Amino acid sequence: MENSNFVTLRKSFVMAPELKQKLHKLIDSCNDEFLLEEARAVLESPQTGKEFLDELDEEDRDSFLEGEDEHDKSVTQHRLLHQLDAWKKK
């Protein structure tokens, strides 16, 4: 994939330790008890970390993955415009 900032749902994802450090700092500096309670509820939720694809039935999951593969192989409008700009500059 051209842009490494995007993560597809079926590929493994390794979290950068900087993210956790930043979250710890934000929590330490937060004085909003309601917001902290909401954050705790989200993090303690049994849904946290649940994969999107796990909630789909087999037919929908296969359809989604097929569409994702087609997208990965296709020339998107963004890529096409980028190639066109590069061609115009030559």
PDB file of N, CA and C in Angstrom:
ATOM      1  N   MET A   1       0.851  -1.173   0.000  1.00  0.00           N
ATOM      2  CA  MET A   1       0.000   0.000   0.000  1.00  0.00           C
ATOM      3  C   MET A   1       0.893   1.231   0.000  1.00  0.00           C
ATOM      4  N   GLU A   2       0.481   2.259  -0.705  1.00  0.00           N
ATOM      5  CA  GLU A   2       1.312   3.445  -0.896  1.00  0.00           C
ATOM      6  C   GLU A   2       1.511   4.224   0.395  1.00  0.00           C
ATOM      7  N   ASN A   3       0.456   4.433   1.172  1.00  0.00           N
ATOM      8  CA  ASN A   3       0.543   5.242   2.379  1.00  0.00           C
ATOM      9  C   ASN A   3       0.587   4.327   3.596  1.00  0.00           C
ATOM     10  N   SER A   4       1.705   4.303   4.301  1.00  0.00           N
ATOM     11  CA  SER A   4       1.868   3.399   5.435  1.00  0.00           C
ATOM     12  C   SER A   4       1.150   3.882   6.687  1.00  0.00           C
ATOM     13  N   ASN A   5       0.492   5.046   6.650  1.00  0.00           N
ATOM     14  CA  ASN A   5      -0.254   5.531   7.808  1.00  0.00           C
ATOM     15  C   ASN A   5      -1.593   4.834   7.950  1.00  0.00           C
ATOM     16  N   PHE A   6      -2.022   4.118   6.928  1.00  0.00           N
ATOM     17  CA  PHE A   6      -3.296   3.427   6.973  1.00  0.00           C
ATOM     18  C   PHE A   6      -3.063   1.952   7.259  1.00  0.00           C
ATOM     19  N   VAL A   7      -3.908   1.382   8.102  1.00  0.00           N
ATOM     20  CA  VAL A   7      -3.794  -0.016   8.478  1.00  0.00           C
ATOM     21  C   VAL A   7      -5.047  -0.726   8.024  1.00  0.00           C
ATOM     22  N   THR A   8      -4.895  -1.782   7.248  1.00  0.00           N
ATOM     23  CA  THR A   8      -6.071  -2.547   6.870  1.00  0.00           C
ATOM     24  C   THR A   8      -6.478  -3.409   8.047  1.00  0.00           C
ATOM     25  N   LEU A   9      -7.737  -3.793   8.083  1.00  0.00           N
ATOM     26  CA  LEU A   9      -8.282  -4.483   9.232  1.00  0.00           C
ATOM     27  C   LEU A   9      -7.803  -5.920   9.378  1.00  0.00           C
ATOM     28  N   ARG A  10      -7.268  -6.511   8.323  1.00  0.00           N
ATOM     29  CA  ARG A  10      -6.858  -7.901   8.429  1.00  0.00           C
ATOM     30  C   ARG A  10      -5.372  -8.067   8.660  1.00  0.00           C
ATOM     31  N   LYS A  11      -4.622  -7.009   8.667  1.00  0.00           N
ATOM     32  CA  LYS A  11      -3.183  -7.094   8.907  1.00  0.00           C
ATOM     33  C   LYS A  11      -2.911  -6.799  10.370  1.00  0.00           C
ATOM     34  N   SER A  12      -1.858  -7.406  10.903  1.00  0.00           N
ATOM     35  CA  SER A  12      -1.544  -7.170  12.305  1.00  0.00           C
ATOM     36  C   SER A  12      -1.033  -5.741  12.478  1.00  0.00           C
ATOM     37  N   PHE A  13      -1.228  -5.210  13.662  1.00  0.00           N
ATOM     38  CA  PHE A  13      -0.861  -3.831  13.958  1.00  0.00           C
ATOM     39  C   PHE A  13      -0.060  -3.814  15.247  1.00  0.00           C
ATOM     40  N   VAL A  14       1.122  -3.238  15.210  1.00  0.00           N
ATOM     41  CA  VAL A  14       1.973  -3.124  16.387  1.00  0.00           C
ATOM     42  C   VAL A  14       1.897  -1.687  16.880  1.00  0.00           C
ATOM     43  N   MET A  15       1.484  -1.512  18.126  1.00  0.00           N
ATOM     44  CA  MET A  15       1.331  -0.173  18.672  1.00  0.00           C
ATOM     45  C   MET A  15       2.683   0.403  19.068  1.00  0.00           C
ATOM     46  N   ALA A  16       2.863   1.652  18.722  1.00  0.00           N
ATOM     47  CA  ALA A  16       4.080   2.366  19.116  1.00  0.00           C
ATOM     48  C   ALA A  16       3.989   2.720  20.599  1.00  0.00           C
ATOM     49  N   PRO A  17       5.066   2.550  21.345  1.00  0.00           N
ATOM     50  CA  PRO A  17       5.029   2.876  22.779  1.00  0.00           C
ATOM     51  C   PRO A  17       4.756   4.355  23.032  1.00  0.00           C
ATOM     52  N   GLU A  18       5.053   5.222  22.057  1.00  0.00           N
ATOM     53  CA  GLU A  18       4.813   6.656  22.232  1.00  0.00           C
ATOM     54  C   GLU A  18       3.324   6.944  22.437  1.00  0.00           C
ATOM     55  N   LEU A  19       2.461   6.148  21.812  1.00  0.00           N
ATOM     56  CA  LEU A  19       1.020   6.358  21.958  1.00  0.00           C
ATOM     57  C   LEU A  19       0.594   6.160  23.403  1.00  0.00           C
ATOM     58  N   LYS A  20       1.056   5.086  24.023  1.00  0.00           N
ATOM     59  CA  LYS A  20       0.703   4.836  25.420  1.00  0.00           C
ATOM     60  C   LYS A  20       1.261   5.929  26.326  1.00  0.00           C
ATOM     61  N   GLN A  21       2.490   6.366  26.060  1.00  0.00           N
ATOM     62  CA  GLN A  21       3.094   7.421  26.872  1.00  0.00           C
ATOM     63  C   GLN A  21       2.279   8.704  26.780  1.00  0.00           C
ATOM     64  N   LYS A  22       1.838   9.043  25.556  1.00  0.00           N
ATOM     65  CA  LYS A  22       1.046  10.253  25.373  1.00  0.00           C
ATOM     66  C   LYS A  22      -0.301  10.135  26.088  1.00  0.00           C
ATOM     67  N   LEU A  23      -0.920   8.958  25.996  1.00  0.00           N
ATOM     68  CA  LEU A  23      -2.192   8.753  26.693  1.00  0.00           C
ATOM     69  C   LEU A  23      -2.018   8.874  28.203  1.00  0.00           C
ATOM     70  N   HIS A  24      -0.933   8.321  28.744  1.00  0.00           N
ATOM     71  CA  HIS A  24      -0.671   8.445  30.184  1.00  0.00           C
ATOM     72  C   HIS A  24      -0.541   9.914  30.591  1.00  0.00           C
ATOM     73  N   LYS A  25       0.171  10.689  29.791  1.00  0.00           N
ATOM     74  CA  LYS A  25       0.336  12.118  30.093  1.00  0.00           C
ATOM     75  C   LYS A  25      -1.005  12.846  30.034  1.00  0.00           C
ATOM     76  N   LEU A  26      -1.817  12.532  29.013  1.00  0.00           N
ATOM     77  CA  LEU A  26      -3.129  13.176  28.898  1.00  0.00           C
ATOM     78  C   LEU A  26      -4.019  12.831  30.082  1.00  0.00           C
ATOM     79  N   ILE A  27      -3.991  11.579  30.503  1.00  0.00           N
ATOM     80  CA  ILE A  27      -4.800  11.163  31.656  1.00  0.00           C
ATOM     81  C   ILE A  27      -4.316  11.855  32.919  1.00  0.00           C
ATOM     82  N   ASP A  28      -3.009  11.910  33.103  1.00  0.00           N
ATOM     83  CA  ASP A  28      -2.451  12.561  34.290  1.00  0.00           C
ATOM     84  C   ASP A  28      -2.812  14.043  34.360  1.00  0.00           C
ATOM     85  N   SER A  29      -2.919  14.692  33.207  1.00  0.00           N
ATOM     86  CA  SER A  29      -3.213  16.127  33.208  1.00  0.00           C
ATOM     87  C   SER A  29      -4.711  16.437  33.150  1.00  0.00           C
ATOM     88  N   CYS A  30      -5.540  15.420  32.989  1.00  0.00           N
ATOM     89  CA  CYS A  30      -6.990  15.633  32.874  1.00  0.00           C
ATOM     90  C   CYS A  30      -7.618  15.800  34.258  1.00  0.00           C
ATOM     91  N   ASN A  31      -8.442  16.830  34.398  1.00  0.00           N
ATOM     92  CA  ASN A  31      -9.153  17.076  35.652  1.00  0.00           C
ATOM     93  C   ASN A  31     -10.655  16.864  35.513  1.00  0.00           C
ATOM     94  N   ASP A  32     -11.083  16.353  34.368  1.00  0.00           N
ATOM     95  CA  ASP A  32     -12.499  16.132  34.101  1.00  0.00           C
ATOM     96  C   ASP A  32     -12.862  14.701  34.496  1.00  0.00           C
ATOM     97  N   GLU A  33     -13.496  14.567  35.660  1.00  0.00           N
ATOM     98  CA  GLU A  33     -13.814  13.238  36.186  1.00  0.00           C
ATOM     99  C   GLU A  33     -14.751  12.468  35.252  1.00  0.00           C
ATOM    100  N   PHE A  34     -15.718  13.157  34.650  1.00  0.00           N
ATOM    101  CA  PHE A  34     -16.638  12.505  33.722  1.00  0.00           C
ATOM    102  C   PHE A  34     -15.878  11.912  32.539  1.00  0.00           C
ATOM    103  N   LEU A  35     -14.981  12.692  31.964  1.00  0.00           N
ATOM    104  CA  LEU A  35     -14.198  12.228  30.826  1.00  0.00           C
ATOM    105  C   LEU A  35     -13.335  11.024  31.206  1.00  0.00           C
ATOM    106  N   LEU A  36     -12.735  11.065  32.386  1.00  0.00           N
ATOM    107  CA  LEU A  36     -11.916   9.946  32.849  1.00  0.00           C
ATOM    108  C   LEU A  36     -12.761   8.690  33.064  1.00  0.00           C
ATOM    109  N   GLU A  37     -13.973   8.855  33.597  1.00  0.00           N
ATOM    110  CA  GLU A  37     -14.879   7.720  33.779  1.00  0.00           C
ATOM    111  C   GLU A  37     -15.268   7.119  32.432  1.00  0.00           C
ATOM    112  N   GLU A  38     -15.525   7.978  31.440  1.00  0.00           N
ATOM    113  CA  GLU A  38     -15.868   7.498  30.094  1.00  0.00           C
ATOM    114  C   GLU A  38     -14.701   6.740  29.470  1.00  0.00           C
ATOM    115  N   ALA A  39     -13.500   7.276  29.624  1.00  0.00           N
ATOM    116  CA  ALA A  39     -12.315   6.613  29.083  1.00  0.00           C
ATOM    117  C   ALA A  39     -12.122   5.248  29.741  1.00  0.00           C
ATOM    118  N   ARG A  40     -12.303   5.191  31.035  1.00  0.00           N
ATOM    119  CA  ARG A  40     -12.176   3.915  31.744  1.00  0.00           C
ATOM    120  C   ARG A  40     -13.214   2.915  31.258  1.00  0.00           C
ATOM    121  N   ALA A  41     -14.450   3.377  31.072  1.00  0.00           N
ATOM    122  CA  ALA A  41     -15.509   2.482  30.604  1.00  0.00           C
ATOM    123  C   ALA A  41     -15.182   1.914  29.225  1.00  0.00           C
ATOM    124  N   VAL A  42     -14.648   2.754  28.349  1.00  0.00           N
ATOM    125  CA  VAL A  42     -14.277   2.294  27.004  1.00  0.00           C
ATOM    126  C   VAL A  42     -13.164   1.259  27.094  1.00  0.00           C
ATOM    127  N   LEU A  43     -12.141   1.544  27.891  1.00  0.00           N
ATOM    128  CA  LEU A  43     -10.998   0.640  27.991  1.00  0.00           C
ATOM    129  C   LEU A  43     -11.343  -0.673  28.682  1.00  0.00           C
ATOM    130  N   GLU A  44     -12.328  -0.652  29.588  1.00  0.00           N
ATOM    131  CA  GLU A  44     -12.729  -1.870  30.287  1.00  0.00           C
ATOM    132  C   GLU A  44     -13.814  -2.644  29.540  1.00  0.00           C
ATOM    133  N   SER A  45     -14.329  -2.083  28.494  1.00  0.00           N
ATOM    134  CA  SER A  45     -15.409  -2.707  27.743  1.00  0.00           C
ATOM    135  C   SER A  45     -14.964  -4.027  27.122  1.00  0.00           C
ATOM    136  N   PRO A  46     -15.837  -5.038  27.133  1.00  0.00           N
ATOM    137  CA  PRO A  46     -15.483  -6.303  26.472  1.00  0.00           C
ATOM    138  C   PRO A  46     -15.370  -6.137  24.953  1.00  0.00           C
ATOM    139  N   GLN A  47     -15.906  -5.053  24.406  1.00  0.00           N
ATOM    140  CA  GLN A  47     -15.822  -4.790  22.975  1.00  0.00           C
ATOM    141  C   GLN A  47     -14.468  -4.206  22.579  1.00  0.00           C
ATOM    142  N   THR A  48     -13.706  -3.690  23.538  1.00  0.00           N
ATOM    143  CA  THR A  48     -12.414  -3.085  23.234  1.00  0.00           C
ATOM    144  C   THR A  48     -11.498  -4.118  22.604  1.00  0.00           C
ATOM    145  N   GLY A  49     -10.942  -3.754  21.469  1.00  0.00           N
ATOM    146  CA  GLY A  49     -10.023  -4.646  20.783  1.00  0.00           C
ATOM    147  C   GLY A  49     -10.689  -5.680  19.914  1.00  0.00           C
ATOM    148  N   LYS A  50     -12.016  -5.727  19.906  1.00  0.00           N
ATOM    149  CA  LYS A  50     -12.719  -6.705  19.087  1.00  0.00           C
ATOM    150  C   LYS A  50     -12.563  -6.339  17.624  1.00  0.00           C
ATOM    151  N   GLU A  51     -12.209  -7.301  16.822  1.00  0.00           N
ATOM    152  CA  GLU A  51     -11.982  -7.075  15.409  1.00  0.00           C
ATOM    153  C   GLU A  51     -13.295  -6.842  14.675  1.00  0.00           C
ATOM    154  N   PHE A  52     -13.290  -5.878  13.795  1.00  0.00           N
ATOM    155  CA  PHE A  52     -14.446  -5.579  12.955  1.00  0.00           C
ATOM    156  C   PHE A  52     -14.880  -6.814  12.170  1.00  0.00           C
ATOM    157  N   LEU A  53     -13.915  -7.508  11.593  1.00  0.00           N
ATOM    158  CA  LEU A  53     -14.233  -8.664  10.757  1.00  0.00           C
ATOM    159  C   LEU A  53     -14.837  -9.812  11.555  1.00  0.00           C
ATOM    160  N   ASP A  54     -14.516  -9.900  12.829  1.00  0.00           N
ATOM    161  CA  ASP A  54     -15.057 -10.971  13.668  1.00  0.00           C
ATOM    162  C   ASP A  54     -16.572 -10.867  13.833  1.00  0.00           C
ATOM    163  N   GLU A  55     -17.109  -9.675  13.652  1.00  0.00           N
ATOM    164  CA  GLU A  55     -18.544  -9.468  13.835  1.00  0.00           C
ATOM    165  C   GLU A  55     -19.349  -9.745  12.574  1.00  0.00           C
ATOM    166  N   LEU A  56     -18.676  -9.993  11.453  1.00  0.00           N
ATOM    167  CA  LEU A  56     -19.358 -10.262  10.189  1.00  0.00           C
ATOM    168  C   LEU A  56     -19.543 -11.758   9.997  1.00  0.00           C
ATOM    169  N   ASP A  57     -20.632 -12.123   9.288  1.00  0.00           N
ATOM    170  CA  ASP A  57     -20.762 -13.532   8.942  1.00  0.00           C
ATOM    171  C   ASP A  57     -19.783 -13.851   7.816  1.00  0.00           C
ATOM    172  N   GLU A  58     -19.608 -15.127   7.522  1.00  0.00           N
ATOM    173  CA  GLU A  58     -18.577 -15.557   6.572  1.00  0.00           C
ATOM    174  C   GLU A  58     -18.746 -14.930   5.191  1.00  0.00           C
ATOM    175  N   GLU A  59     -19.985 -14.854   4.709  1.00  0.00           N
ATOM    176  CA  GLU A  59     -20.240 -14.281   3.377  1.00  0.00           C
ATOM    177  C   GLU A  59     -19.863 -12.800   3.321  1.00  0.00           C
ATOM    178  N   ASP A  60     -20.268 -12.036   4.341  1.00  0.00           N
ATOM    179  CA  ASP A  60     -19.936 -10.612   4.375  1.00  0.00           C
ATOM    180  C   ASP A  60     -18.430 -10.387   4.544  1.00  0.00           C
ATOM    181  N   ARG A  61     -17.798 -11.218   5.371  1.00  0.00           N
ATOM    182  CA  ARG A  61     -16.351 -11.101   5.583  1.00  0.00           C
ATOM    183  C   ARG A  61     -15.606 -11.357   4.272  1.00  0.00           C
ATOM    184  N   ASP A  62     -16.007 -12.429   3.549  1.00  0.00           N
ATOM    185  CA  ASP A  62     -15.360 -12.736   2.273  1.00  0.00           C
ATOM    186  C   ASP A  62     -15.567 -11.611   1.273  1.00  0.00           C
ATOM    187  N   SER A  63     -16.769 -11.056   1.247  1.00  0.00           N
ATOM    188  CA  SER A  63     -17.075  -9.952   0.338  1.00  0.00           C
ATOM    189  C   SER A  63     -16.229  -8.727   0.673  1.00  0.00           C
ATOM    190  N   PHE A  64     -16.110  -8.413   1.961  1.00  0.00           N
ATOM    191  CA  PHE A  64     -15.312  -7.269   2.391  1.00  0.00           C
ATOM    192  C   PHE A  64     -13.849  -7.456   1.999  1.00  0.00           C
ATOM    193  N   LEU A  65     -13.298  -8.636   2.273  1.00  0.00           N
ATOM    194  CA  LEU A  65     -11.894  -8.897   1.963  1.00  0.00           C
ATOM    195  C   LEU A  65     -11.646  -8.874   0.462  1.00  0.00           C
ATOM    196  N   GLU A  66     -12.602  -9.367  -0.315  1.00  0.00           N
ATOM    197  CA  GLU A  66     -12.467  -9.319  -1.769  1.00  0.00           C
ATOM    198  C   GLU A  66     -12.442  -7.873  -2.253  1.00  0.00           C
ATOM    199  N   GLY A  67     -13.325  -7.041  -1.725  1.00  0.00           N
ATOM    200  CA  GLY A  67     -13.345  -5.626  -2.084  1.00  0.00           C
ATOM    201  C   GLY A  67     -12.069  -4.919  -1.678  1.00  0.00           C
ATOM    202  N   GLU A  68     -11.535  -5.271  -0.519  1.00  0.00           N
ATOM    203  CA  GLU A  68     -10.291  -4.666  -0.053  1.00  0.00           C
ATOM    204  C   GLU A  68      -9.136  -5.052  -0.981  1.00  0.00           C
ATOM    205  N   ASP A  69      -9.091  -6.318  -1.398  1.00  0.00           N
ATOM    206  CA  ASP A  69      -8.049  -6.765  -2.332  1.00  0.00           C
ATOM    207  C   ASP A  69      -8.161  -6.039  -3.670  1.00  0.00           C
ATOM    208  N   GLU A  70      -9.394  -5.878  -4.157  1.00  0.00           N
ATOM    209  CA  GLU A  70      -9.598  -5.166  -5.413  1.00  0.00           C
ATOM    210  C   GLU A  70      -9.129  -3.720  -5.296  1.00  0.00           C
ATOM    211  N   HIS A  71      -9.419  -3.105  -4.167  1.00  0.00           N
ATOM    212  CA  HIS A  71      -8.993  -1.719  -3.943  1.00  0.00           C
ATOM    213  C   HIS A  71      -7.468  -1.620  -3.924  1.00  0.00           C
ATOM    214  N   ASP A  72      -6.818  -2.561  -3.228  1.00  0.00           N
ATOM    215  CA  ASP A  72      -5.355  -2.548  -3.146  1.00  0.00           C
ATOM    216  C   ASP A  72      -4.709  -2.684  -4.519  1.00  0.00           C
ATOM    217  N   LYS A  73      -5.352  -3.416  -5.410  1.00  0.00           N
ATOM    218  CA  LYS A  73      -4.800  -3.655  -6.748  1.00  0.00           C
ATOM    219  C   LYS A  73      -5.164  -2.554  -7.732  1.00  0.00           C
ATOM    220  N   SER A  74      -6.137  -1.740  -7.408  1.00  0.00           N
ATOM    221  CA  SER A  74      -6.632  -0.740  -8.353  1.00  0.00           C
ATOM    222  C   SER A  74      -5.800   0.540  -8.316  1.00  0.00           C
ATOM    223  N   VAL A  75      -5.973   1.332  -9.357  1.00  0.00           N
ATOM    224  CA  VAL A  75      -5.371   2.663  -9.397  1.00  0.00           C
ATOM    225  C   VAL A  75      -6.440   3.621  -8.894  1.00  0.00           C
ATOM    226  N   THR A  76      -6.230   4.167  -7.712  1.00  0.00           N
ATOM    227  CA  THR A  76      -7.218   5.075  -7.147  1.00  0.00           C
ATOM    228  C   THR A  76      -7.129   6.436  -7.833  1.00  0.00           C
ATOM    229  N   GLN A  77      -8.170   7.223  -7.680  1.00  0.00           N
ATOM    230  CA  GLN A  77      -8.191   8.556  -8.263  1.00  0.00           C
ATOM    231  C   GLN A  77      -7.016   9.379  -7.754  1.00  0.00           C
ATOM    232  N   HIS A  78      -6.704   9.262  -6.473  1.00  0.00           N
ATOM    233  CA  HIS A  78      -5.589  10.010  -5.886  1.00  0.00           C
ATOM    234  C   HIS A  78      -4.270   9.632  -6.565  1.00  0.00           C
ATOM    235  N   ARG A  79      -4.033   8.318  -6.719  1.00  0.00           N
ATOM    236  CA  ARG A  79      -2.805   7.874  -7.375  1.00  0.00           C
ATOM    237  C   ARG A  79      -2.754   8.335  -8.824  1.00  0.00           C
ATOM    238  N   LEU A  80      -3.893   8.257  -9.500  1.00  0.00           N
ATOM    239  CA  LEU A  80      -3.955   8.657 -10.900  1.00  0.00           C
ATOM    240  C   LEU A  80      -3.646  10.144 -11.059  1.00  0.00           C
ATOM    241  N   LEU A  81      -4.223  10.982 -10.211  1.00  0.00           N
ATOM    242  CA  LEU A  81      -3.957  12.419 -10.273  1.00  0.00           C
ATOM    243  C   LEU A  81      -2.490  12.715  -9.962  1.00  0.00           C
ATOM    244  N   HIS A  82      -1.926  11.982  -9.014  1.00  0.00           N
ATOM    245  CA  HIS A  82      -0.510  12.155  -8.683  1.00  0.00           C
ATOM    246  C   HIS A  82       0.367  11.792  -9.889  1.00  0.00           C
ATOM    247  N   GLN A  83       0.035  10.689 -10.543  1.00  0.00           N
ATOM    248  CA  GLN A  83       0.801  10.282 -11.735  1.00  0.00           C
ATOM    249  C   GLN A  83       0.635  11.297 -12.849  1.00  0.00           C
ATOM    250  N   LEU A  84      -0.565  11.835 -12.999  1.00  0.00           N
ATOM    251  CA  LEU A  84      -0.827  12.827 -14.041  1.00  0.00           C
ATOM    252  C   LEU A  84      -0.010  14.100 -13.767  1.00  0.00           C
ATOM    253  N   ASP A  85       0.022  14.547 -12.521  1.00  0.00           N
ATOM    254  CA  ASP A  85       0.824  15.728 -12.176  1.00  0.00           C
ATOM    255  C   ASP A  85       2.299  15.500 -12.464  1.00  0.00           C
ATOM    256  N   ALA A  86       2.802  14.319 -12.124  1.00  0.00           N
ATOM    257  CA  ALA A  86       4.199  13.995 -12.385  1.00  0.00           C
ATOM    258  C   ALA A  86       4.457  13.987 -13.902  1.00  0.00           C
ATOM    259  N   TRP A  87       3.524  13.465 -14.672  1.00  0.00           N
ATOM    260  CA  TRP A  87       3.672  13.409 -16.119  1.00  0.00           C
ATOM    261  C   TRP A  87       3.677  14.830 -16.712  1.00  0.00           C
ATOM    262  N   LYS A  88       2.809  15.708 -16.198  1.00  0.00           N
ATOM    263  CA  LYS A  88       2.731  17.089 -16.701  1.00  0.00           C
ATOM    264  C   LYS A  88       4.030  17.858 -16.441  1.00  0.00           C
ATOM    265  N   LYS A  89       4.711  17.538 -15.343  1.00  0.00           N
ATOM    266  CA  LYS A  89       5.945  18.237 -14.973  1.00  0.00           C
ATOM    267  C   LYS A  89       7.118  17.848 -15.864  1.00  0.00           C
ATOM    268  N   LYS A  90       7.001  16.722 -16.569  1.00  0.00           N
ATOM    269  CA  LYS A  90       8.113  16.259 -17.428  1.00  0.00           C
ATOM    270  C   LYS A  90       8.228  17.058 -18.685  1.00  0.00           C
TER     271      LYS A  90
END
